[in-house]
Amino acid sequence: MGIDTGKKHHAKKRARTAPRSDDVYLRLLVKLYRFLARRTDASFNKVILKRLFMSRVNRPPLSLSRIAKYSAKNKDKIAVIVGTVTDDARLLEVPKLKIAALRVTETARARILAAGGEILTFDQLALRAPTGKKTLLLRGRKTAREAVKHFGAAGVPGSHAKPYVRSKGRKFERARGRRASRGYKN
């Protein structure tokens, strides 16, 4: 019988150590925050670095209304989002906000600047708050995606998973399991 030498067979797949993207600007940010994470004691930089590595699904967007809500109690702080800031038409008045984000949509950018706010890039943030002092680190909801609604087994008792159905009409998935007169009701 063979002996299992070395640990190569049972190695767990760890979190990313570099971004999968070839975007040169993202790579430069990674270089900067790798340096800051190593040279400062602030865990803020380690968190930013880890989030820069993440895939798009793990960097969910955050709307202006959410940022406004969280910034209401932290007026003098810079809201930091490693991801996209999107506009929210339901928010009628945008307060004066200081935001640092990877990306800001065109309409959101226009509304923030019109309200006298400020949008920083991560290299500007590194100069202004190298240890993350006076910042508010935020992120969007990962479960807000449409795909998440379909996770799980649809049609099973107690499950609220959304089935993949062509249409939501009378003729679609309304018989067995949906009413007692057709076999059974879940």
N, C-alpha and C. Protein backbone atom coordinates (compact mmCIF):
# COMPACT_ATOMS: atom_id res chain seq x y z
N MET A 1 0.83 -1.20 0.00
CA MET A 1 0.00 0.00 0.00
C MET A 1 0.87 1.25 0.00
N GLY A 2 0.49 2.23 -0.82
CA GLY A 2 1.28 3.45 -0.95
C GLY A 2 1.10 4.37 0.25
N ILE A 3 2.08 5.19 0.45
CA ILE A 3 2.03 6.17 1.55
C ILE A 3 1.75 7.54 0.94
N ASP A 4 0.84 8.27 1.57
CA ASP A 4 0.50 9.60 1.07
C ASP A 4 1.55 10.60 1.55
N THR A 5 2.52 10.86 0.67
CA THR A 5 3.55 11.84 1.02
C THR A 5 3.14 13.19 0.46
N GLY A 6 3.51 14.21 1.16
CA GLY A 6 3.16 15.56 0.69
C GLY A 6 1.67 15.82 0.89
N LYS A 7 1.32 17.07 0.80
CA LYS A 7 -0.07 17.43 1.08
C LYS A 7 -0.78 17.97 -0.15
N LYS A 8 -0.27 17.65 -1.34
CA LYS A 8 -0.83 18.26 -2.54
C LYS A 8 -2.23 17.75 -2.89
N HIS A 9 -2.58 16.55 -2.41
CA HIS A 9 -3.86 15.97 -2.81
C HIS A 9 -5.05 16.53 -2.03
N HIS A 10 -4.81 16.97 -0.84
CA HIS A 10 -5.93 17.40 0.00
C HIS A 10 -5.94 18.91 0.23
N ALA A 11 -5.24 19.62 -0.65
CA ALA A 11 -5.16 21.07 -0.48
C ALA A 11 -6.52 21.69 -0.75
N LYS A 12 -6.98 22.50 0.19
CA LYS A 12 -8.26 23.20 0.02
C LYS A 12 -8.06 24.39 -0.91
N LYS A 13 -9.09 24.71 -1.65
CA LYS A 13 -9.02 25.89 -2.54
C LYS A 13 -9.26 27.13 -1.69
N ARG A 14 -8.26 27.95 -1.57
CA ARG A 14 -8.33 29.13 -0.72
C ARG A 14 -8.92 30.32 -1.48
N ALA A 15 -9.09 31.42 -0.76
CA ALA A 15 -9.58 32.66 -1.38
C ALA A 15 -8.53 33.18 -2.35
N ARG A 16 -8.95 34.05 -3.23
CA ARG A 16 -8.04 34.60 -4.25
C ARG A 16 -6.88 35.38 -3.62
N THR A 17 -5.75 35.31 -4.28
CA THR A 17 -4.58 36.08 -3.82
C THR A 17 -4.24 37.18 -4.82
N ALA A 18 -4.97 37.20 -5.93
CA ALA A 18 -4.80 38.23 -6.96
C ALA A 18 -6.09 38.30 -7.77
N PRO A 19 -6.37 39.43 -8.38
CA PRO A 19 -7.61 39.50 -9.17
C PRO A 19 -7.51 38.66 -10.44
N ARG A 20 -8.62 38.12 -10.91
CA ARG A 20 -8.62 37.32 -12.14
C ARG A 20 -8.56 38.24 -13.37
N SER A 21 -8.94 39.49 -13.17
CA SER A 21 -9.00 40.45 -14.26
C SER A 21 -7.61 40.92 -14.70
N ASP A 22 -7.50 41.29 -15.97
CA ASP A 22 -6.24 41.82 -16.50
C ASP A 22 -6.25 43.34 -16.58
N ASP A 23 -7.25 43.96 -16.00
CA ASP A 23 -7.38 45.41 -16.01
C ASP A 23 -6.16 46.05 -15.35
N VAL A 24 -5.41 46.84 -16.10
CA VAL A 24 -4.15 47.40 -15.59
C VAL A 24 -4.38 48.36 -14.42
N TYR A 25 -5.51 49.08 -14.46
CA TYR A 25 -5.79 50.05 -13.38
C TYR A 25 -6.14 49.34 -12.09
N LEU A 26 -6.84 48.22 -12.22
CA LEU A 26 -7.15 47.41 -11.04
C LEU A 26 -5.87 46.82 -10.47
N ARG A 27 -4.98 46.37 -11.36
CA ARG A 27 -3.70 45.80 -10.92
C ARG A 27 -2.86 46.84 -10.17
N LEU A 28 -2.93 48.08 -10.62
CA LEU A 28 -2.18 49.15 -9.94
C LEU A 28 -2.76 49.42 -8.55
N LEU A 29 -4.08 49.38 -8.44
CA LEU A 29 -4.72 49.55 -7.13
C LEU A 29 -4.32 48.42 -6.19
N VAL A 30 -4.24 47.21 -6.74
CA VAL A 30 -3.84 46.04 -5.94
C VAL A 30 -2.42 46.24 -5.42
N LYS A 31 -1.54 46.72 -6.29
CA LYS A 31 -0.15 47.00 -5.87
C LYS A 31 -0.12 47.99 -4.71
N LEU A 32 -0.90 49.07 -4.86
CA LEU A 32 -0.96 50.11 -3.85
C LEU A 32 -1.48 49.57 -2.52
N TYR A 33 -2.61 48.86 -2.57
CA TYR A 33 -3.22 48.37 -1.32
C TYR A 33 -2.49 47.17 -0.73
N ARG A 34 -1.73 46.45 -1.56
CA ARG A 34 -0.86 45.38 -1.03
C ARG A 34 0.23 46.01 -0.16
N PHE A 35 0.76 47.13 -0.65
CA PHE A 35 1.78 47.86 0.08
C PHE A 35 1.21 48.40 1.40
N LEU A 36 0.04 49.06 1.31
CA LEU A 36 -0.58 49.64 2.50
C LEU A 36 -0.97 48.57 3.52
N ALA A 37 -1.45 47.43 3.04
CA ALA A 37 -1.84 46.33 3.94
C ALA A 37 -0.63 45.80 4.69
N ARG A 38 0.53 45.80 4.00
CA ARG A 38 1.75 45.29 4.62
C ARG A 38 2.37 46.31 5.57
N ARG A 39 2.35 47.57 5.16
CA ARG A 39 3.09 48.59 5.91
C ARG A 39 2.30 49.32 7.00
N THR A 40 0.97 49.16 6.99
CA THR A 40 0.18 49.78 8.06
C THR A 40 -0.46 48.69 8.90
N ASP A 41 -0.83 49.05 10.11
CA ASP A 41 -1.47 48.07 11.00
C ASP A 41 -2.98 48.03 10.81
N ALA A 42 -3.51 48.94 9.98
CA ALA A 42 -4.96 49.04 9.82
C ALA A 42 -5.52 47.85 9.04
N SER A 43 -6.54 47.21 9.62
CA SER A 43 -7.17 46.07 8.94
C SER A 43 -8.02 46.56 7.75
N PHE A 44 -8.32 47.87 7.73
CA PHE A 44 -9.08 48.49 6.64
C PHE A 44 -8.45 48.18 5.29
N ASN A 45 -7.14 48.34 5.21
CA ASN A 45 -6.43 48.11 3.95
C ASN A 45 -6.45 46.64 3.53
N LYS A 46 -6.42 45.74 4.51
CA LYS A 46 -6.48 44.30 4.20
C LYS A 46 -7.85 43.94 3.63
N VAL A 47 -8.89 44.57 4.18
CA VAL A 47 -10.26 44.32 3.71
C VAL A 47 -10.43 44.84 2.28
N ILE A 48 -9.92 46.04 2.04
CA ILE A 48 -10.01 46.64 0.69
C ILE A 48 -9.28 45.75 -0.32
N LEU A 49 -8.10 45.31 0.06
CA LEU A 49 -7.30 44.46 -0.82
C LEU A 49 -8.04 43.17 -1.16
N LYS A 50 -8.61 42.55 -0.13
CA LYS A 50 -9.34 41.29 -0.33
C LYS A 50 -10.54 41.50 -1.27
N ARG A 51 -11.21 42.64 -1.10
CA ARG A 51 -12.38 42.93 -1.93
C ARG A 51 -12.01 43.30 -3.37
N LEU A 52 -10.82 43.83 -3.56
CA LEU A 52 -10.36 44.14 -4.92
C LEU A 52 -10.15 42.87 -5.73
N PHE A 53 -9.84 41.77 -5.04
CA PHE A 53 -9.63 40.49 -5.71
C PHE A 53 -10.94 39.84 -6.16
N MET A 54 -12.05 40.24 -5.56
CA MET A 54 -13.30 39.51 -5.71
C MET A 54 -13.89 39.55 -7.11
N SER A 55 -14.71 38.54 -7.38
CA SER A 55 -15.42 38.48 -8.66
C SER A 55 -16.57 39.48 -8.63
N ARG A 56 -17.18 39.68 -9.77
CA ARG A 56 -18.23 40.71 -9.87
C ARG A 56 -19.45 40.35 -9.02
N VAL A 57 -19.76 39.07 -8.93
CA VAL A 57 -20.90 38.62 -8.12
C VAL A 57 -20.67 38.96 -6.65
N ASN A 58 -19.42 38.89 -6.22
CA ASN A 58 -19.09 39.19 -4.83
C ASN A 58 -18.82 40.68 -4.58
N ARG A 59 -18.97 41.50 -5.62
CA ARG A 59 -18.87 42.95 -5.46
C ARG A 59 -20.20 43.57 -5.88
N PRO A 60 -21.28 43.29 -5.12
CA PRO A 60 -22.59 43.78 -5.55
C PRO A 60 -22.70 45.30 -5.51
N PRO A 61 -23.53 45.87 -6.38
CA PRO A 61 -23.67 47.33 -6.41
C PRO A 61 -24.43 47.86 -5.21
N LEU A 62 -24.27 49.14 -4.96
CA LEU A 62 -24.96 49.80 -3.85
C LEU A 62 -25.60 51.07 -4.41
N SER A 63 -26.87 51.29 -4.06
CA SER A 63 -27.58 52.45 -4.61
C SER A 63 -27.33 53.71 -3.78
N LEU A 64 -27.58 54.83 -4.41
CA LEU A 64 -27.40 56.13 -3.75
C LEU A 64 -28.25 56.26 -2.49
N SER A 65 -29.48 55.70 -2.54
CA SER A 65 -30.38 55.82 -1.38
C SER A 65 -29.82 55.09 -0.16
N ARG A 66 -29.21 53.93 -0.38
CA ARG A 66 -28.58 53.19 0.73
C ARG A 66 -27.41 53.98 1.32
N ILE A 67 -26.59 54.52 0.43
CA ILE A 67 -25.43 55.29 0.88
C ILE A 67 -25.89 56.51 1.67
N ALA A 68 -26.94 57.18 1.18
CA ALA A 68 -27.49 58.36 1.85
C ALA A 68 -28.00 57.99 3.24
N LYS A 69 -28.64 56.80 3.32
CA LYS A 69 -29.19 56.34 4.60
C LYS A 69 -28.09 56.09 5.62
N TYR A 70 -27.02 55.40 5.18
CA TYR A 70 -25.92 55.09 6.10
C TYR A 70 -25.08 56.32 6.43
N SER A 71 -24.99 57.26 5.48
CA SER A 71 -24.18 58.46 5.70
C SER A 71 -24.87 59.51 6.55
N ALA A 72 -26.19 59.36 6.76
CA ALA A 72 -26.95 60.34 7.53
C ALA A 72 -26.39 60.48 8.95
N LYS A 73 -25.99 59.35 9.55
CA LYS A 73 -25.45 59.36 10.92
C LYS A 73 -23.95 59.65 10.93
N ASN A 74 -23.31 59.50 9.77
CA ASN A 74 -21.86 59.69 9.67
C ASN A 74 -21.54 60.75 8.63
N LYS A 75 -21.95 61.97 8.92
CA LYS A 75 -21.87 63.06 7.94
C LYS A 75 -20.45 63.38 7.46
N ASP A 76 -19.49 63.36 8.38
CA ASP A 76 -18.13 63.76 8.02
C ASP A 76 -17.28 62.61 7.46
N LYS A 77 -17.86 61.42 7.38
CA LYS A 77 -17.07 60.26 6.94
C LYS A 77 -17.17 60.04 5.42
N ILE A 78 -16.14 59.40 4.87
CA ILE A 78 -16.13 59.06 3.45
C ILE A 78 -16.71 57.65 3.30
N ALA A 79 -17.76 57.52 2.50
CA ALA A 79 -18.35 56.20 2.24
C ALA A 79 -17.48 55.46 1.23
N VAL A 80 -16.99 54.28 1.62
CA VAL A 80 -16.10 53.51 0.75
C VAL A 80 -16.82 52.27 0.25
N ILE A 81 -16.90 52.12 -1.08
CA ILE A 81 -17.57 50.97 -1.69
C ILE A 81 -16.64 50.34 -2.71
N VAL A 82 -16.24 49.08 -2.47
CA VAL A 82 -15.42 48.38 -3.46
C VAL A 82 -16.41 47.72 -4.42
N GLY A 83 -16.86 48.51 -5.38
CA GLY A 83 -17.88 48.06 -6.32
C GLY A 83 -18.48 49.26 -7.02
N THR A 84 -19.70 49.08 -7.52
CA THR A 84 -20.37 50.13 -8.29
C THR A 84 -21.41 50.87 -7.45
N VAL A 85 -21.46 52.18 -7.63
CA VAL A 85 -22.51 52.99 -7.01
C VAL A 85 -23.52 53.30 -8.11
N THR A 86 -24.77 52.94 -7.87
CA THR A 86 -25.81 53.15 -8.87
C THR A 86 -26.79 54.23 -8.43
N ASP A 87 -27.50 54.79 -9.40
CA ASP A 87 -28.48 55.83 -9.11
C ASP A 87 -29.77 55.19 -8.61
N ASP A 88 -30.55 55.95 -7.84
CA ASP A 88 -31.85 55.49 -7.38
C ASP A 88 -32.85 56.62 -7.64
N ALA A 89 -33.74 56.40 -8.61
CA ALA A 89 -34.71 57.42 -9.00
C ALA A 89 -35.70 57.73 -7.87
N ARG A 90 -35.86 56.79 -6.93
CA ARG A 90 -36.80 56.97 -5.82
C ARG A 90 -36.28 57.98 -4.80
N LEU A 91 -34.97 58.21 -4.80
CA LEU A 91 -34.38 59.20 -3.90
C LEU A 91 -34.51 60.57 -4.54
N LEU A 92 -35.38 61.41 -3.99
CA LEU A 92 -35.68 62.69 -4.64
C LEU A 92 -34.60 63.72 -4.42
N GLU A 93 -34.09 63.79 -3.20
CA GLU A 93 -33.02 64.76 -2.91
C GLU A 93 -31.77 64.03 -2.45
N VAL A 94 -30.70 64.24 -3.19
CA VAL A 94 -29.42 63.61 -2.83
C VAL A 94 -28.68 64.53 -1.86
N PRO A 95 -28.31 64.02 -0.68
CA PRO A 95 -27.54 64.86 0.24
C PRO A 95 -26.09 65.02 -0.23
N LYS A 96 -25.36 65.89 0.42
CA LYS A 96 -23.95 66.09 0.08
C LYS A 96 -23.18 64.86 0.58
N LEU A 97 -22.59 64.12 -0.34
CA LEU A 97 -21.91 62.87 0.02
C LEU A 97 -20.45 62.88 -0.40
N LYS A 98 -19.63 62.20 0.40
CA LYS A 98 -18.23 61.96 0.02
C LYS A 98 -18.12 60.46 -0.21
N ILE A 99 -17.81 60.06 -1.45
CA ILE A 99 -17.81 58.65 -1.81
C ILE A 99 -16.50 58.26 -2.48
N ALA A 100 -15.99 57.08 -2.10
CA ALA A 100 -14.86 56.47 -2.80
C ALA A 100 -15.37 55.13 -3.32
N ALA A 101 -15.30 54.93 -4.64
CA ALA A 101 -15.83 53.70 -5.23
C ALA A 101 -15.01 53.29 -6.45
N LEU A 102 -15.11 52.02 -6.82
CA LEU A 102 -14.42 51.54 -8.01
C LEU A 102 -15.05 52.14 -9.25
N ARG A 103 -16.40 52.25 -9.22
CA ARG A 103 -17.13 52.73 -10.38
C ARG A 103 -18.40 53.45 -9.92
N VAL A 104 -18.75 54.52 -10.61
CA VAL A 104 -19.99 55.23 -10.31
C VAL A 104 -20.72 55.43 -11.64
N THR A 105 -21.99 55.05 -11.69
CA THR A 105 -22.74 55.19 -12.95
C THR A 105 -22.88 56.67 -13.30
N GLU A 106 -23.11 56.92 -14.59
CA GLU A 106 -23.16 58.29 -15.10
C GLU A 106 -24.18 59.16 -14.38
N THR A 107 -25.40 58.63 -14.21
CA THR A 107 -26.47 59.41 -13.58
C THR A 107 -26.19 59.64 -12.09
N ALA A 108 -25.64 58.61 -11.43
CA ALA A 108 -25.31 58.74 -10.01
C ALA A 108 -24.22 59.80 -9.82
N ARG A 109 -23.23 59.77 -10.70
CA ARG A 109 -22.12 60.73 -10.65
C ARG A 109 -22.65 62.16 -10.79
N ALA A 110 -23.52 62.35 -11.76
CA ALA A 110 -24.08 63.69 -12.02
C ALA A 110 -24.86 64.20 -10.81
N ARG A 111 -25.64 63.32 -10.19
CA ARG A 111 -26.47 63.73 -9.04
C ARG A 111 -25.63 64.03 -7.80
N ILE A 112 -24.58 63.25 -7.57
CA ILE A 112 -23.70 63.47 -6.41
C ILE A 112 -22.98 64.82 -6.55
N LEU A 113 -22.44 65.06 -7.74
CA LEU A 113 -21.69 66.30 -7.98
C LEU A 113 -22.61 67.52 -7.97
N ALA A 114 -23.84 67.35 -8.46
CA ALA A 114 -24.81 68.46 -8.46
C ALA A 114 -25.20 68.85 -7.04
N ALA A 115 -25.17 67.87 -6.13
CA ALA A 115 -25.52 68.14 -4.73
C ALA A 115 -24.33 68.69 -3.93
N GLY A 116 -23.22 68.91 -4.63
CA GLY A 116 -22.03 69.45 -3.97
C GLY A 116 -21.19 68.37 -3.30
N GLY A 117 -21.44 67.12 -3.70
CA GLY A 117 -20.69 66.00 -3.13
C GLY A 117 -19.35 65.81 -3.81
N GLU A 118 -18.66 64.74 -3.41
CA GLU A 118 -17.31 64.49 -3.92
C GLU A 118 -17.16 63.00 -4.19
N ILE A 119 -16.54 62.68 -5.32
CA ILE A 119 -16.28 61.28 -5.67
C ILE A 119 -14.78 61.08 -5.77
N LEU A 120 -14.27 60.13 -4.98
CA LEU A 120 -12.83 59.85 -4.97
C LEU A 120 -12.55 58.50 -5.62
N THR A 121 -11.36 58.37 -6.18
CA THR A 121 -10.90 57.05 -6.64
C THR A 121 -10.10 56.44 -5.48
N PHE A 122 -9.77 55.16 -5.59
CA PHE A 122 -9.09 54.51 -4.47
C PHE A 122 -7.66 55.01 -4.26
N ASP A 123 -7.01 55.49 -5.31
CA ASP A 123 -5.66 56.04 -5.12
C ASP A 123 -5.74 57.39 -4.40
N GLN A 124 -6.82 58.16 -4.66
CA GLN A 124 -7.02 59.42 -3.93
C GLN A 124 -7.37 59.15 -2.47
N LEU A 125 -8.14 58.08 -2.26
CA LEU A 125 -8.50 57.69 -0.89
C LEU A 125 -7.26 57.28 -0.10
N ALA A 126 -6.35 56.58 -0.76
CA ALA A 126 -5.12 56.13 -0.10
C ALA A 126 -4.29 57.31 0.40
N LEU A 127 -4.32 58.42 -0.34
CA LEU A 127 -3.59 59.62 0.08
C LEU A 127 -4.31 60.33 1.23
N ARG A 128 -5.65 60.33 1.15
CA ARG A 128 -6.43 61.07 2.14
C ARG A 128 -6.63 60.29 3.44
N ALA A 129 -6.85 58.98 3.32
CA ALA A 129 -7.08 58.16 4.52
C ALA A 129 -6.30 56.84 4.38
N PRO A 130 -4.98 56.90 4.55
CA PRO A 130 -4.17 55.69 4.36
C PRO A 130 -4.49 54.56 5.34
N THR A 131 -5.04 54.89 6.50
CA THR A 131 -5.38 53.83 7.46
C THR A 131 -6.90 53.63 7.58
N GLY A 132 -7.66 54.34 6.75
CA GLY A 132 -9.11 54.18 6.79
C GLY A 132 -9.80 54.96 7.89
N LYS A 133 -9.09 55.97 8.44
CA LYS A 133 -9.72 56.81 9.47
C LYS A 133 -10.81 57.68 8.85
N LYS A 134 -11.89 57.89 9.59
CA LYS A 134 -13.02 58.70 9.13
C LYS A 134 -13.63 58.17 7.83
N THR A 135 -13.65 56.85 7.70
CA THR A 135 -14.30 56.25 6.53
C THR A 135 -15.41 55.32 6.99
N LEU A 136 -16.33 55.05 6.09
CA LEU A 136 -17.47 54.17 6.36
C LEU A 136 -17.47 53.11 5.27
N LEU A 137 -17.08 51.90 5.61
CA LEU A 137 -16.95 50.83 4.61
C LEU A 137 -18.30 50.15 4.40
N LEU A 138 -18.79 50.21 3.17
CA LEU A 138 -20.12 49.66 2.86
C LEU A 138 -20.03 48.64 1.74
N ARG A 139 -21.06 47.77 1.67
CA ARG A 139 -21.19 46.91 0.49
C ARG A 139 -22.64 46.52 0.26
N GLY A 140 -22.94 46.18 -0.97
CA GLY A 140 -24.32 45.85 -1.36
C GLY A 140 -24.72 44.45 -0.94
N ARG A 141 -26.00 44.14 -1.16
CA ARG A 141 -26.51 42.81 -0.80
C ARG A 141 -26.22 41.80 -1.90
N LYS A 142 -25.55 40.72 -1.52
CA LYS A 142 -25.23 39.68 -2.50
C LYS A 142 -26.47 38.91 -2.93
N THR A 143 -27.46 38.86 -2.03
CA THR A 143 -28.66 38.06 -2.30
C THR A 143 -29.71 38.83 -3.09
N ALA A 144 -29.38 40.05 -3.55
CA ALA A 144 -30.34 40.85 -4.29
C ALA A 144 -30.47 40.40 -5.75
N ARG A 145 -29.55 39.55 -6.20
CA ARG A 145 -29.58 39.09 -7.60
C ARG A 145 -30.81 38.24 -7.88
N GLU A 146 -31.32 38.32 -9.08
CA GLU A 146 -32.47 37.52 -9.52
C GLU A 146 -32.15 36.02 -9.43
N ALA A 147 -30.91 35.64 -9.77
CA ALA A 147 -30.51 34.23 -9.78
C ALA A 147 -30.68 33.57 -8.41
N VAL A 148 -30.46 34.34 -7.34
CA VAL A 148 -30.54 33.82 -5.97
C VAL A 148 -31.95 33.35 -5.64
N LYS A 149 -32.96 34.00 -6.24
CA LYS A 149 -34.35 33.62 -5.99
C LYS A 149 -34.64 32.20 -6.46
N HIS A 150 -33.88 31.73 -7.45
CA HIS A 150 -34.10 30.40 -8.02
C HIS A 150 -33.31 29.30 -7.30
N PHE A 151 -32.47 29.65 -6.33
CA PHE A 151 -31.65 28.66 -5.63
C PHE A 151 -32.55 27.77 -4.77
N GLY A 152 -32.28 26.47 -4.79
CA GLY A 152 -33.10 25.52 -4.04
C GLY A 152 -34.02 24.77 -4.99
N ALA A 153 -34.80 23.86 -4.42
CA ALA A 153 -35.70 23.05 -5.24
C ALA A 153 -37.09 23.67 -5.25
N ALA A 154 -37.53 24.09 -6.42
CA ALA A 154 -38.87 24.68 -6.54
C ALA A 154 -39.92 23.58 -6.52
N GLY A 155 -41.03 23.84 -5.86
CA GLY A 155 -42.12 22.85 -5.84
C GLY A 155 -42.07 21.88 -4.70
N VAL A 156 -41.03 21.94 -3.88
CA VAL A 156 -40.89 21.05 -2.72
C VAL A 156 -41.60 21.71 -1.54
N PRO A 157 -42.31 20.93 -0.71
CA PRO A 157 -43.01 21.55 0.43
C PRO A 157 -42.06 22.37 1.30
N GLY A 158 -42.48 23.58 1.63
CA GLY A 158 -41.66 24.44 2.50
C GLY A 158 -40.61 25.25 1.76
N SER A 159 -40.42 24.96 0.47
CA SER A 159 -39.42 25.69 -0.30
C SER A 159 -40.05 26.91 -0.94
N HIS A 160 -39.28 28.01 -0.95
CA HIS A 160 -39.78 29.23 -1.57
C HIS A 160 -38.97 29.56 -2.82
N ALA A 161 -38.28 28.56 -3.36
CA ALA A 161 -37.47 28.78 -4.55
C ALA A 161 -38.38 29.10 -5.74
N LYS A 162 -37.97 30.07 -6.51
CA LYS A 162 -38.77 30.52 -7.67
C LYS A 162 -38.51 29.58 -8.86
N PRO A 163 -39.55 28.99 -9.42
CA PRO A 163 -39.31 28.09 -10.55
C PRO A 163 -39.00 28.86 -11.83
N TYR A 164 -38.24 28.21 -12.72
CA TYR A 164 -37.98 28.80 -14.03
C TYR A 164 -39.19 28.48 -14.91
N VAL A 165 -40.07 29.43 -15.10
CA VAL A 165 -41.29 29.22 -15.87
C VAL A 165 -41.32 30.23 -17.01
N ARG A 166 -41.80 29.76 -18.18
CA ARG A 166 -41.86 30.62 -19.35
C ARG A 166 -42.76 31.82 -19.12
N SER A 167 -43.91 31.56 -18.45
CA SER A 167 -44.87 32.62 -18.21
C SER A 167 -45.54 32.38 -16.86
N LYS A 168 -46.19 33.43 -16.32
CA LYS A 168 -46.80 33.27 -15.01
C LYS A 168 -48.33 33.15 -15.14
N GLY A 169 -48.77 32.64 -16.29
CA GLY A 169 -50.21 32.58 -16.58
C GLY A 169 -50.93 31.40 -15.95
N ARG A 170 -52.22 31.32 -16.29
CA ARG A 170 -53.11 30.29 -15.75
C ARG A 170 -52.66 28.87 -16.10
N LYS A 171 -52.05 28.69 -17.26
CA LYS A 171 -51.72 27.35 -17.75
C LYS A 171 -50.35 26.84 -17.29
N PHE A 172 -49.61 27.65 -16.54
CA PHE A 172 -48.23 27.28 -16.24
C PHE A 172 -48.04 26.95 -14.76
N GLU A 173 -47.67 25.70 -14.49
CA GLU A 173 -47.38 25.20 -13.13
C GLU A 173 -48.47 25.55 -12.14
N ARG A 174 -49.71 25.19 -12.48
CA ARG A 174 -50.84 25.48 -11.61
C ARG A 174 -51.65 24.22 -11.29
N ALA A 175 -51.13 23.05 -11.67
CA ALA A 175 -51.93 21.83 -11.48
C ALA A 175 -51.43 20.98 -10.31
N ARG A 176 -50.77 19.83 -10.56
CA ARG A 176 -50.34 18.93 -9.49
C ARG A 176 -49.40 19.64 -8.53
N GLY A 177 -49.70 19.50 -7.24
CA GLY A 177 -48.86 20.13 -6.22
C GLY A 177 -49.26 21.56 -5.92
N ARG A 178 -50.13 22.11 -6.75
CA ARG A 178 -50.55 23.49 -6.55
C ARG A 178 -51.99 23.60 -6.05
N ARG A 179 -52.80 22.54 -6.27
CA ARG A 179 -54.17 22.53 -5.74
C ARG A 179 -54.62 21.11 -5.45
N ALA A 180 -55.39 20.97 -4.39
CA ALA A 180 -55.79 19.67 -3.86
C ALA A 180 -56.60 18.85 -4.87
N SER A 181 -57.36 19.50 -5.73
CA SER A 181 -58.18 18.78 -6.69
C SER A 181 -57.37 18.11 -7.81
N ARG A 182 -56.07 18.40 -7.87
CA ARG A 182 -55.20 17.77 -8.88
C ARG A 182 -54.09 17.00 -8.19
N GLY A 183 -54.47 15.91 -7.55
CA GLY A 183 -53.47 15.05 -6.91
C GLY A 183 -53.17 15.43 -5.48
N TYR A 184 -52.45 16.50 -5.26
CA TYR A 184 -52.07 16.93 -3.91
C TYR A 184 -51.75 18.41 -3.91
N LYS A 185 -51.67 18.99 -2.72
CA LYS A 185 -51.34 20.42 -2.58
C LYS A 185 -50.18 20.55 -1.59
N ASN A 186 -49.10 21.21 -2.02
CA ASN A 186 -47.95 21.43 -1.13
C ASN A 186 -48.22 22.58 -0.17
